Amino acid sequence: MIDWISNTFDSVQLALYENVVQPIVFGLGFGNLLEDAFDATGWLLLGVLQIVFILIGIRVLERRWPVEPITDHAAVRDDVVYTLIHRLGLVRLAMFFSIDPLWDGMASELRMAGLPTWQLDGVWPGVTDIPWVSLLLYLVVFDFVGYWLHRAQHQFNWWWALHSLHHSQRQMTMWSDNRNHLLDDVLLGTAFALLARFIGVEPGQFVAITVITQLHESLQHANARISFGSIGERLLVSPRFHRLHHSIGIGHESGGRGTLGGHNFGVLLPVWDLLFRTSNFEPRFDATGVRDQLADEGARDYGSGFWRQQWLGLARLFSSFRRTA
């Protein structure tokens, strides 16, 4: 069954590449990038499959057990735009032309200097040689790093100025995972790309890690009244657990009122929140958003529409630097 799925995917990828992508690449004069274009076709196909899964699978859950009725359809449409941009590989394409060449040059220089490479899946020969075992190992490592990067987004004023766009959605749905500032995405994408190179993640494993994480994050953000139970919620992040992370005044605040911090930063595994005491398992489904959006807290405008939201994110970033100075 797995072989059939893999072979079918490869056949569709090849057909899409030969009939659509390759002519476009040649037409633009980028014949030297054909191999990279083939890889990009795979990402594009995986993105399409993810969107189909979101539409068919997660939407059923939202309709069956909604937390709240959707009234701001324009805000949800904004999130659909973000999802299409990310899942169809446009962010990865931008990183390919900007970050990847710099890293490839650095990696080449390090190899020439004799710096050894490190393969994390070689720490337990015979066991981590099994593909699914090494994949699980990489997932845990990526999740641990993701937890701390997520905490950093909520800890530093300049990073929160960007990340707060993600939390500004008052009508959170299965599309809300990718509502991020592009600069925020570049920072995270660069960090994970460097991590993958550093611990020796193979390209196929990196694709699997990305797809698994993205699909689960789409489920976490769903407008669905779903909990995994007292035990299950300590094993895997649920929509209820993650919704508390988006709760006004809870998910992005710690200590005093308005102090950056928060709860439930885990990406896939709640274990990090348990270990580092940032977990909140209260059985609640709160309203989502940022406190300063409320009328009695300043009614800050996070914008409507992709470009307006991106511009206001940069404005908040520059403002945070001025306050620091």
Protein backbone atom coordinates (compact mmCIF):
# COMPACT_ATOMS: atom_id res chain seq x y z
CA MET A 1 0.00 0.00 0.00
CA ILE A 2 2.77 2.44 0.98
CA ASP A 3 4.71 1.57 -2.18
CA TRP A 4 1.59 2.19 -4.29
CA ILE A 5 1.05 5.61 -2.69
CA SER A 6 4.71 6.52 -3.16
CA ASN A 7 4.76 5.38 -6.78
CA THR A 8 1.52 7.21 -7.55
CA PHE A 9 2.84 10.42 -6.01
CA ASP A 10 6.09 10.13 -8.00
CA SER A 11 4.15 9.59 -11.23
CA VAL A 12 1.91 12.61 -10.64
CA GLN A 13 4.89 14.76 -9.68
CA LEU A 14 6.74 13.77 -12.85
CA ALA A 15 3.71 14.45 -15.04
CA LEU A 16 3.10 17.86 -13.43
CA TYR A 17 6.77 18.73 -13.80
CA GLU A 18 7.11 17.70 -17.44
CA ASN A 19 3.83 19.20 -18.63
CA VAL A 20 3.58 22.38 -16.57
CA VAL A 21 6.62 23.35 -14.48
CA GLN A 22 9.45 22.52 -16.87
CA PRO A 23 8.09 24.57 -19.80
CA ILE A 24 7.60 27.55 -17.47
CA VAL A 25 11.15 27.25 -16.11
CA PHE A 26 12.59 27.06 -19.63
CA GLY A 27 10.41 29.97 -20.72
CA LEU A 28 11.77 32.13 -17.92
CA GLY A 29 15.35 31.26 -18.83
CA PHE A 30 16.14 29.24 -15.69
CA GLY A 31 17.22 26.01 -17.36
CA ASN A 32 20.02 25.67 -14.80
CA LEU A 33 17.44 25.22 -12.05
CA LEU A 34 15.59 22.21 -13.47
CA GLU A 35 16.55 19.89 -10.62
CA ASP A 36 15.40 22.41 -8.04
CA ALA A 37 12.22 22.98 -10.03
CA PHE A 38 11.49 19.24 -9.84
CA ASP A 39 11.83 19.37 -6.03
CA ALA A 40 9.60 22.45 -5.95
CA THR A 41 6.99 20.51 -7.93
CA GLY A 42 6.93 17.93 -5.13
CA TRP A 43 6.33 20.65 -2.54
CA LEU A 44 3.57 22.12 -4.71
CA LEU A 45 1.86 18.75 -5.04
CA LEU A 46 2.11 18.09 -1.30
CA GLY A 47 0.63 21.53 -0.65
CA VAL A 48 -2.34 20.78 -2.90
CA LEU A 49 -2.90 17.47 -1.10
CA GLN A 50 -2.77 19.25 2.27
CA ILE A 51 -5.37 21.78 1.16
CA VAL A 52 -7.62 18.96 -0.05
CA PHE A 53 -7.23 17.24 3.34
CA ILE A 54 -8.09 20.49 5.15
CA LEU A 55 -11.18 21.00 3.00
CA ILE A 56 -12.43 17.43 3.25
CA GLY A 57 -11.20 16.26 6.64
CA ILE A 58 -10.85 19.13 9.10
CA ARG A 59 -13.84 21.08 7.77
CA VAL A 60 -16.08 18.16 8.78
CA LEU A 61 -14.92 18.59 12.38
CA GLU A 62 -15.56 22.34 12.29
CA ARG A 63 -19.09 21.84 11.03
CA ARG A 64 -19.84 19.03 13.45
CA TRP A 65 -18.47 20.61 16.66
CA PRO A 66 -17.93 24.38 16.11
CA VAL A 67 -16.68 26.50 19.00
CA GLU A 68 -18.36 29.64 17.65
CA PRO A 69 -20.27 30.78 14.56
CA ILE A 70 -18.15 32.45 11.89
CA THR A 71 -19.26 36.05 11.43
CA ASP A 72 -16.13 37.75 10.07
CA HIS A 73 -15.80 35.92 6.75
CA ALA A 74 -13.36 38.53 5.40
CA ALA A 75 -10.86 37.68 8.14
CA VAL A 76 -11.15 33.99 7.31
CA ARG A 77 -10.58 34.75 3.62
CA ASP A 78 -7.36 36.53 4.61
CA ASP A 79 -6.24 33.33 6.31
CA VAL A 80 -7.04 31.31 3.20
CA VAL A 81 -4.68 33.58 1.26
CA TYR A 82 -1.92 32.95 3.82
CA THR A 83 -2.52 29.19 3.61
CA LEU A 84 -2.26 29.19 -0.18
CA ILE A 85 0.95 31.23 -0.05
CA HIS A 86 2.59 28.87 2.42
CA ARG A 87 1.28 25.45 1.47
CA LEU A 88 1.85 25.93 -2.26
CA GLY A 89 5.53 26.64 -1.64
CA LEU A 90 5.83 30.38 -2.32
CA VAL A 91 7.65 31.03 0.98
CA ARG A 92 10.03 28.15 0.30
CA LEU A 93 10.64 29.58 -3.18
CA ALA A 94 11.59 32.94 -1.67
CA MET A 95 13.96 31.24 0.77
CA PHE A 96 15.50 29.23 -2.07
CA PHE A 97 16.59 32.43 -3.80
CA SER A 98 17.65 34.24 -0.63
CA ILE A 99 18.68 32.08 2.33
CA ASP A 100 19.66 28.77 0.69
CA PRO A 101 22.52 30.16 -1.45
CA LEU A 102 24.08 31.81 1.62
CA TRP A 103 23.86 28.62 3.65
CA ASP A 104 25.20 26.45 0.81
CA GLY A 105 28.22 28.74 0.57
CA MET A 106 28.82 28.59 4.32
CA ALA A 107 28.43 24.80 4.38
CA SER A 108 30.90 24.44 1.50
CA GLU A 109 33.48 26.57 3.30
CA LEU A 110 33.05 24.55 6.51
CA ARG A 111 33.52 21.27 4.64
CA MET A 112 36.65 22.58 2.98
CA ALA A 113 37.93 23.57 6.42
CA GLY A 114 37.53 19.95 7.53
CA LEU A 115 34.58 20.44 9.86
CA PRO A 116 32.94 17.03 10.34
CA THR A 117 29.23 16.51 9.77
CA TRP A 118 26.96 14.98 12.41
CA GLN A 119 24.17 12.53 11.73
CA LEU A 120 21.71 12.43 14.59
CA ASP A 121 20.14 9.18 13.37
CA GLY A 122 23.52 7.49 13.86
CA VAL A 123 23.48 7.84 17.65
CA TRP A 124 22.01 4.35 18.08
CA PRO A 125 23.22 2.13 15.23
CA GLY A 126 20.82 -0.64 14.30
CA VAL A 127 17.84 1.11 15.84
CA THR A 128 17.92 4.59 14.38
CA ASP A 129 18.76 3.02 11.01
CA ILE A 130 15.07 2.07 10.83
CA PRO A 131 13.42 4.87 8.77
CA TRP A 132 10.36 5.40 11.00
CA VAL A 133 12.50 5.43 14.15
CA SER A 134 14.83 8.09 12.78
CA LEU A 135 11.79 10.09 11.59
CA LEU A 136 10.30 10.04 15.10
CA LEU A 137 13.66 11.07 16.54
CA TYR A 138 13.85 14.04 14.19
CA LEU A 139 10.24 14.99 14.94
CA VAL A 140 11.01 15.12 18.67
CA VAL A 141 14.13 17.24 18.11
CA PHE A 142 12.31 19.62 15.78
CA ASP A 143 9.44 19.88 18.25
CA PHE A 144 11.80 20.68 21.14
CA VAL A 145 13.50 23.44 19.14
CA GLY A 146 10.10 24.65 17.91
CA TYR A 147 8.89 24.98 21.49
CA TRP A 148 11.77 27.29 22.42
CA LEU A 149 11.53 29.33 19.24
CA HIS A 150 7.81 29.77 19.92
CA ARG A 151 8.56 30.97 23.43
CA ALA A 152 11.08 33.41 22.00
CA GLN A 153 8.38 34.81 19.72
CA HIS A 154 6.39 35.62 22.86
CA GLN A 155 9.34 36.80 24.95
CA PHE A 156 11.10 39.47 22.89
CA ASN A 157 9.19 42.64 22.08
CA TRP A 158 10.58 42.92 18.55
CA TRP A 159 9.63 39.32 17.69
CA TRP A 160 6.22 39.61 19.32
CA ALA A 161 5.63 42.68 17.13
CA LEU A 162 5.71 40.28 14.17
CA HIS A 163 4.19 37.18 15.77
CA SER A 164 1.23 39.07 17.22
CA LEU A 165 -0.25 39.10 13.71
CA HIS A 166 -0.77 35.35 14.10
CA HIS A 167 -2.65 35.93 17.36
CA SER A 168 -4.76 38.80 16.01
CA GLN A 169 -7.29 36.45 14.40
CA ARG A 170 -10.55 36.78 16.36
CA GLN A 171 -12.22 34.05 14.26
CA MET A 172 -9.72 31.22 14.44
CA THR A 173 -10.28 28.41 11.93
CA MET A 174 -8.44 25.58 10.21
CA TRP A 175 -6.94 28.23 7.89
CA SER A 176 -5.37 30.31 10.68
CA ASP A 177 -2.11 28.41 11.14
CA ASN A 178 -0.32 30.29 8.35
CA ARG A 179 -1.47 33.80 9.31
CA ASN A 180 2.08 34.99 9.93
CA HIS A 181 4.23 37.91 8.99
CA LEU A 182 6.52 36.91 6.12
CA LEU A 183 9.59 38.09 8.03
CA ASP A 184 8.53 35.91 10.94
CA ASP A 185 8.26 32.95 8.54
CA VAL A 186 11.71 33.63 7.12
CA LEU A 187 13.23 33.68 10.61
CA LEU A 188 11.61 30.37 11.59
CA GLY A 189 12.23 28.78 8.20
CA THR A 190 15.91 29.68 8.35
CA ALA A 191 16.26 28.30 11.87
CA PHE A 192 14.70 24.95 10.93
CA ALA A 193 16.65 24.73 7.68
CA LEU A 194 19.90 25.24 9.60
CA LEU A 195 18.79 22.68 12.19
CA ALA A 196 18.04 20.14 9.45
CA ARG A 197 21.49 20.64 7.93
CA PHE A 198 23.21 20.50 11.31
CA ILE A 199 21.71 17.18 12.46
CA GLY A 200 21.76 15.54 9.03
CA VAL A 201 18.08 15.33 8.11
CA GLU A 202 17.60 13.81 4.68
CA PRO A 203 15.45 15.79 2.20
CA GLY A 204 12.70 13.17 2.23
CA GLN A 205 12.59 13.17 6.03
CA PHE A 206 12.47 16.97 6.10
CA VAL A 207 9.48 16.90 3.76
CA ALA A 208 7.72 14.34 5.99
CA ILE A 209 8.43 16.39 9.14
CA THR A 210 7.07 19.54 7.49
CA VAL A 211 3.89 17.91 6.20
CA ILE A 212 3.11 16.12 9.49
CA THR A 213 3.66 19.31 11.47
CA GLN A 214 1.65 21.53 9.13
CA LEU A 215 -1.36 19.22 8.98
CA HIS A 216 -1.47 18.87 12.74
CA GLU A 217 -1.17 22.64 13.17
CA SER A 218 -4.14 23.11 10.82
CA LEU A 219 -6.13 20.79 13.09
CA GLN A 220 -4.97 22.67 16.22
CA HIS A 221 -6.34 25.95 14.89
CA ALA A 222 -9.67 24.49 13.80
CA ASN A 223 -12.88 26.06 15.01
CA ALA A 224 -13.73 22.73 16.63
CA ARG A 225 -14.70 21.94 20.20
CA ILE A 226 -12.31 19.00 20.42
CA SER A 227 -10.29 17.75 23.38
CA PHE A 228 -8.15 14.60 23.52
CA GLY A 229 -9.04 13.88 27.15
CA SER A 230 -6.97 14.22 30.31
CA ILE A 231 -4.38 11.68 29.13
CA GLY A 232 -4.43 12.31 25.39
CA GLU A 233 -3.93 16.06 25.82
CA ARG A 234 -0.66 15.34 27.61
CA LEU A 235 0.54 13.26 24.70
CA LEU A 236 -0.48 15.37 21.69
CA VAL A 237 -1.49 19.02 21.30
CA SER A 238 -5.26 19.25 20.76
CA PRO A 239 -7.44 22.06 19.34
CA ARG A 240 -8.60 22.87 22.89
CA PHE A 241 -5.03 22.96 24.27
CA HIS A 242 -3.84 25.23 21.46
CA ARG A 243 -6.91 27.47 21.57
CA LEU A 244 -5.92 28.43 25.12
CA HIS A 245 -2.61 29.58 23.65
CA HIS A 246 -4.65 32.01 21.52
CA SER A 247 -6.95 33.10 24.35
CA ILE A 248 -7.08 36.82 25.02
CA GLY A 249 -5.06 37.65 28.12
CA ILE A 250 -3.93 34.04 28.70
CA GLY A 251 -2.12 32.59 25.72
CA HIS A 252 0.31 35.46 25.23
CA GLU A 253 0.62 36.91 28.73
CA SER A 254 2.39 35.84 31.92
CA GLY A 255 2.78 37.39 35.32
CA GLY A 256 1.48 40.93 35.32
CA ARG A 257 -1.20 42.21 32.98
CA GLY A 258 0.21 42.62 29.50
CA THR A 259 3.56 40.98 30.32
CA LEU A 260 4.86 38.94 27.40
CA GLY A 261 4.94 35.19 27.90
CA GLY A 262 1.98 32.84 27.89
CA HIS A 263 1.05 29.17 27.91
CA ASN A 264 0.88 26.10 25.68
CA PHE A 265 3.76 26.72 23.28
CA GLY A 266 4.12 23.09 22.19
CA VAL A 267 3.91 22.47 18.46
CA LEU A 268 3.13 18.74 18.51
CA LEU A 269 3.96 17.53 22.01
CA PRO A 270 2.66 19.10 25.25
CA VAL A 271 5.52 17.43 27.15
CA TRP A 272 7.71 20.53 26.80
CA ASP A 273 5.02 22.72 28.35
CA LEU A 274 4.74 20.21 31.20
CA LEU A 275 8.50 20.05 31.76
CA PHE A 276 9.03 23.82 31.66
CA ARG A 277 5.79 24.74 33.47
CA THR A 278 4.02 26.65 30.72
CA SER A 279 1.07 24.26 30.33
CA ASN A 280 -2.58 25.12 30.91
CA PHE A 281 -5.05 22.25 30.69
CA GLU A 282 -8.19 24.09 31.83
CA PRO A 283 -11.25 22.73 29.97
CA ARG A 284 -12.13 26.04 28.31
CA PHE A 285 -12.79 27.36 24.81
CA ASP A 286 -12.12 31.10 25.10
CA ALA A 287 -12.38 33.97 22.66
CA THR A 288 -9.16 34.42 20.70
CA GLY A 289 -7.12 37.51 19.88
CA VAL A 290 -4.71 40.00 21.46
CA ARG A 291 -5.69 42.09 24.49
CA ASP A 292 -4.80 45.41 22.84
CA GLN A 293 -7.43 44.72 20.15
CA LEU A 294 -10.21 45.22 22.71
CA ALA A 295 -11.98 48.57 22.74
CA ASP A 296 -11.07 49.34 26.36
CA GLU A 297 -7.42 48.36 25.79
CA GLY A 298 -6.63 50.66 22.89
CA ALA A 299 -8.40 48.92 19.97
CA ARG A 300 -5.16 48.38 18.04
CA ASP A 301 -5.71 47.75 14.34
CA TYR A 302 -3.90 44.69 12.99
CA GLY A 303 -5.25 45.31 9.51
CA SER A 304 -7.53 43.66 7.03
CA GLY A 305 -6.01 42.09 3.95
CA PHE A 306 -2.58 40.55 3.37
CA TRP A 307 -0.58 43.65 2.42
CA ARG A 308 -2.10 45.87 5.12
CA GLN A 309 -1.31 43.26 7.77
CA GLN A 310 2.25 42.89 6.52
CA TRP A 311 2.80 46.65 6.56
CA LEU A 312 1.39 47.09 10.07
CA GLY A 313 3.64 44.24 11.26
CA LEU A 314 6.70 46.13 10.04
CA ALA A 315 5.39 49.30 11.69
CA ARG A 316 5.04 47.46 15.03
CA LEU A 317 8.56 46.07 14.59
CA PHE A 318 10.13 49.51 14.02
CA SER A 319 8.11 50.90 16.92
CA SER A 320 9.48 48.20 19.23
CA PHE A 321 13.03 49.10 18.22
CA ARG A 322 12.36 52.79 18.95
CA ARG A 323 10.98 51.95 22.39
CA THR A 324 14.05 49.84 23.14
CA ALA A 325 16.35 52.63 22.01
